[in-house]
Amino acid sequence: MAEEGSAIRRRRECESCKHRFTTFERNESIQLLVVKRNGAEEHFNKVKLAKGIHLACEKRDVPDSEIDRIVSDIIDVIKGKGGRIPSDEIGSTVLRALRDLDEVAYVRFASVYKEFENVSDFGKELGTFIRETANKDERSA
């Protein structure tokens, strides 16, 4: 392994001239793009996503490893879709992950992602969240 695990280093020797050489094998990286709500495209920014999730989880008992896992899962989803994904799908994926991880972080993230404008928006989201949680609990019982 080389380059912190992102490449494999191989040493080889030419059988005829005995010259030794080194090769590095790396994964081809595909360009990850996010399609914004207005149709504009921008490069996926892992740091920006992690920062948004960290803010939602601030002062909550959410380990950094869980946030890293969410970001990694989203990167895998984007790669699986050929490197291009709507921003709404990223937000929905984060919300699903936070719903199971931490309820307060979920509501915080939802307030930004869904652009809450007033307290009644919070109330509607909480009502939906409580109903869905109750339905999920009934199905698993």
Protein backbone atom coordinates (compact mmCIF):
# COMPACT_ATOMS: atom_id res chain seq x y z
CA MET A 1 0.00 0.00 0.00
CA ALA A 2 1.08 3.57 -0.66
CA GLU A 3 -0.27 7.11 -0.41
CA GLU A 4 -2.18 6.39 2.81
CA GLY A 5 -3.91 3.37 1.30
CA SER A 6 -5.15 5.10 -1.85
CA ALA A 7 -2.65 3.36 -4.13
CA ILE A 8 -0.77 0.11 -4.51
CA ARG A 9 2.98 0.34 -5.15
CA ARG A 10 4.59 -2.42 -7.22
CA ARG A 11 8.31 -2.96 -7.87
CA ARG A 12 9.16 -4.80 -11.07
CA GLU A 13 12.26 -5.88 -12.93
CA CYS A 14 12.69 -6.26 -16.67
CA GLU A 15 13.87 -9.80 -17.38
CA SER A 16 15.95 -8.78 -20.41
CA CYS A 17 17.74 -5.61 -19.22
CA LYS A 18 17.35 -6.14 -15.44
CA HIS A 19 16.19 -2.53 -15.03
CA ARG A 20 13.95 -2.09 -11.99
CA PHE A 21 10.96 0.22 -11.98
CA THR A 22 8.06 1.17 -9.74
CA THR A 23 4.39 1.48 -10.67
CA PHE A 24 1.50 2.88 -8.70
CA GLU A 25 -2.06 1.64 -9.19
CA ARG A 26 -4.84 4.01 -8.19
CA ASN A 27 -8.61 4.02 -8.52
CA GLU A 28 -9.88 6.35 -11.18
CA SER A 29 -11.65 9.14 -9.42
CA ILE A 30 -14.90 10.29 -10.90
CA GLN A 31 -16.05 13.86 -10.63
CA LEU A 32 -18.87 14.16 -8.09
CA LEU A 33 -21.49 16.78 -8.96
CA VAL A 34 -24.46 18.14 -7.06
CA VAL A 35 -27.44 19.50 -8.98
CA LYS A 36 -28.84 22.42 -7.00
CA ARG A 37 -32.55 23.27 -6.82
CA ASN A 38 -32.11 26.02 -9.43
CA GLY A 39 -30.51 23.54 -11.87
CA ALA A 40 -26.95 24.77 -11.40
CA GLU A 41 -24.27 22.14 -10.87
CA GLU A 42 -21.38 22.35 -8.44
CA HIS A 43 -18.67 20.01 -7.30
CA PHE A 44 -19.60 17.88 -4.31
CA ASN A 45 -17.98 19.30 -1.19
CA LYS A 46 -17.44 16.66 1.47
CA VAL A 47 -16.30 19.27 4.02
CA LYS A 48 -19.42 21.39 3.47
CA LEU A 49 -21.70 18.38 4.00
CA ALA A 50 -19.84 17.25 7.12
CA LYS A 51 -19.95 20.79 8.52
CA GLY A 52 -23.73 20.97 8.05
CA ILE A 53 -24.21 17.65 9.82
CA HIS A 54 -21.79 18.67 12.60
CA LEU A 55 -23.81 21.86 13.17
CA ALA A 56 -27.02 19.86 13.47
CA CYS A 57 -25.32 17.53 15.96
CA GLU A 58 -23.67 20.29 17.99
CA LYS A 59 -23.82 19.61 21.75
CA ARG A 60 -25.45 16.24 21.07
CA ASP A 61 -23.99 12.85 21.93
CA VAL A 62 -23.25 11.96 18.30
CA PRO A 63 -19.81 10.50 17.66
CA ASP A 64 -17.74 11.93 14.82
CA SER A 65 -17.51 8.40 13.43
CA GLU A 66 -21.28 8.42 12.81
CA ILE A 67 -21.06 11.71 10.95
CA ASP A 68 -18.17 10.33 8.89
CA ARG A 69 -20.27 7.25 8.13
CA ILE A 70 -23.19 9.37 6.90
CA VAL A 71 -20.88 11.39 4.63
CA SER A 72 -19.24 8.22 3.34
CA ASP A 73 -22.63 6.62 2.64
CA ILE A 74 -23.70 9.70 0.67
CA ILE A 75 -20.49 9.60 -1.38
CA ASP A 76 -21.21 5.94 -2.17
CA VAL A 77 -24.75 6.87 -3.28
CA ILE A 78 -23.40 9.62 -5.56
CA LYS A 79 -20.82 7.28 -7.09
CA GLY A 80 -23.54 4.67 -7.61
CA LYS A 81 -25.54 7.22 -9.57
CA GLY A 82 -22.65 7.97 -11.91
CA GLY A 83 -21.27 10.92 -9.96
CA ARG A 84 -24.28 13.25 -10.28
CA ILE A 85 -27.04 13.74 -7.69
CA PRO A 86 -29.73 16.33 -6.89
CA SER A 87 -29.11 18.31 -3.69
CA ASP A 88 -32.61 17.32 -2.50
CA GLU A 89 -31.57 13.68 -2.52
CA ILE A 90 -28.52 14.47 -0.40
CA GLY A 91 -30.69 16.36 2.10
CA SER A 92 -33.25 13.54 2.25
CA THR A 93 -30.50 10.98 2.82
CA VAL A 94 -29.03 13.03 5.67
CA LEU A 95 -32.48 13.44 7.24
CA ARG A 96 -33.13 9.67 7.14
CA ALA A 97 -29.77 9.00 8.78
CA LEU A 98 -30.26 11.65 11.47
CA ARG A 99 -33.81 10.47 12.19
CA ASP A 100 -32.41 7.17 13.42
CA LEU A 101 -29.34 8.70 15.03
CA ASP A 102 -30.54 11.72 17.01
CA GLU A 103 -34.00 13.31 17.00
CA VAL A 104 -32.80 16.81 17.92
CA ALA A 105 -30.11 16.77 15.23
CA TYR A 106 -32.81 15.65 12.80
CA VAL A 107 -35.05 18.64 13.60
CA ARG A 108 -32.11 21.05 13.46
CA PHE A 109 -31.03 19.79 10.05
CA ALA A 110 -34.63 19.74 8.79
CA SER A 111 -35.11 23.38 9.82
CA VAL A 112 -32.30 24.44 7.49
CA TYR A 113 -32.85 21.88 4.72
CA LYS A 114 -36.61 22.50 4.54
CA GLU A 115 -36.16 26.25 5.04
CA PHE A 116 -38.46 26.67 8.06
CA GLU A 117 -39.73 30.23 8.23
CA ASN A 118 -41.61 30.20 11.53
CA VAL A 119 -42.53 28.15 14.59
CA SER A 120 -45.51 26.53 12.87
CA ASP A 121 -43.11 24.97 10.35
CA PHE A 122 -41.31 23.34 13.29
CA GLY A 123 -44.65 22.18 14.67
CA LYS A 124 -45.69 20.57 11.39
CA GLU A 125 -42.37 18.77 11.06
CA LEU A 126 -42.49 17.56 14.67
CA GLY A 127 -46.05 16.32 14.15
CA THR A 128 -45.01 14.37 11.08
CA PHE A 129 -41.94 13.03 12.88
CA ILE A 130 -43.97 11.89 15.91
CA ARG A 131 -46.61 10.16 13.72
CA GLU A 132 -43.98 8.36 11.65
CA THR A 133 -42.07 7.29 14.76
CA ALA A 134 -45.28 5.97 16.34
CA ASN A 135 -46.17 4.06 13.17
CA LYS A 136 -42.67 2.60 12.98
CA ASP A 137 -42.87 1.50 16.63
CA GLU A 138 -46.26 -0.16 16.03
CA ARG A 139 -44.93 -2.08 12.99
CA SER A 140 -41.89 -3.34 14.89
CA ALA A 141 -43.94 -4.46 17.91
